[in-house]
């Protein structure tokens, strides 16, 4: 995965909230990878 995180435009929560789709996609992807990793270890 390539991290394409942009710097927020300001130093407040509103500037960070504008990036929520990108942050959510990274969280979901890492959770998916973690689930696959745990299940792979459990199958062996």
C-alpha atoms as a PDB file:
ATOM      1  CA  UNK A   1       0.000   0.000   0.000  1.00  0.00           C
ATOM      2  CA  UNK A   2       1.185   3.462  -0.798  1.00  0.00           C
ATOM      3  CA  UNK A   3       0.399   6.103   1.792  1.00  0.00           C
ATOM      4  CA  UNK A   4      -1.077   9.133   0.119  1.00  0.00           C
ATOM      5  CA  UNK A   5      -1.904  11.124   3.221  1.00  0.00           C
ATOM      6  CA  UNK A   6      -2.080  14.839   2.654  1.00  0.00           C
ATOM      7  CA  UNK A   7      -1.165  17.425   5.232  1.00  0.00           C
ATOM      8  CA  UNK A   8      -4.293  19.045   6.713  1.00  0.00           C
ATOM      9  CA  UNK A   9      -4.855  22.615   5.593  1.00  0.00           C
ATOM     10  CA  UNK A  10      -5.024  23.888   9.175  1.00  0.00           C
ATOM     11  CA  UNK A  11      -4.337  22.942  12.757  1.00  0.00           C
ATOM     12  CA  UNK A  12      -7.904  22.266  13.841  1.00  0.00           C
ATOM     13  CA  UNK A  13     -10.420  19.414  13.831  1.00  0.00           C
ATOM     14  CA  UNK A  14     -12.302  20.810  10.829  1.00  0.00           C
ATOM     15  CA  UNK A  15      -9.238  20.544   8.623  1.00  0.00           C
ATOM     16  CA  UNK A  16      -8.666  16.970   9.776  1.00  0.00           C
ATOM     17  CA  UNK A  17     -12.333  16.087   9.290  1.00  0.00           C
ATOM     18  CA  UNK A  18     -12.015  16.985   5.608  1.00  0.00           C
ATOM     19  CA  UNK A  19      -9.658  14.021   5.236  1.00  0.00           C
ATOM     20  CA  UNK A  20     -12.064  11.480   6.769  1.00  0.00           C
ATOM     21  CA  UNK A  21     -12.663   9.435   3.570  1.00  0.00           C
ATOM     22  CA  UNK A  22      -8.951   8.800   3.143  1.00  0.00           C
ATOM     23  CA  UNK A  23      -8.425   7.997   6.818  1.00  0.00           C
ATOM     24  CA  UNK A  24     -11.427   5.665   6.843  1.00  0.00           C
ATOM     25  CA  UNK A  25     -10.170   3.789   3.798  1.00  0.00           C
ATOM     26  CA  UNK A  26      -6.778   3.210   5.432  1.00  0.00           C
ATOM     27  CA  UNK A  27      -8.398   1.998   8.652  1.00  0.00           C
ATOM     28  CA  UNK A  28     -10.650  -0.434   6.770  1.00  0.00           C
ATOM     29  CA  UNK A  29      -7.741  -1.729   4.674  1.00  0.00           C
ATOM     30  CA  UNK A  30      -5.519  -2.341   7.687  1.00  0.00           C
ATOM     31  CA  UNK A  31      -8.355  -4.065   9.542  1.00  0.00           C
ATOM     32  CA  UNK A  32      -8.948  -6.314   6.530  1.00  0.00           C
ATOM     33  CA  UNK A  33      -5.248  -7.203   6.348  1.00  0.00           C
ATOM     34  CA  UNK A  34      -5.200  -7.938  10.090  1.00  0.00           C
ATOM     35  CA  UNK A  35      -8.240 -10.230   9.804  1.00  0.00           C
ATOM     36  CA  UNK A  36      -6.693 -12.120   6.900  1.00  0.00           C
ATOM     37  CA  UNK A  37      -3.388 -12.412   8.779  1.00  0.00           C
ATOM     38  CA  UNK A  38      -5.019 -13.785  11.935  1.00  0.00           C
ATOM     39  CA  UNK A  39      -7.137 -16.254   9.964  1.00  0.00           C
ATOM     40  CA  UNK A  40      -4.101 -17.427   7.996  1.00  0.00           C
ATOM     41  CA  UNK A  41      -2.276 -18.169  11.220  1.00  0.00           C
ATOM     42  CA  UNK A  42      -5.323 -19.976  12.638  1.00  0.00           C
ATOM     43  CA  UNK A  43      -5.699 -22.289   9.617  1.00  0.00           C
ATOM     44  CA  UNK A  44      -2.193 -23.734   9.908  1.00  0.00           C
END
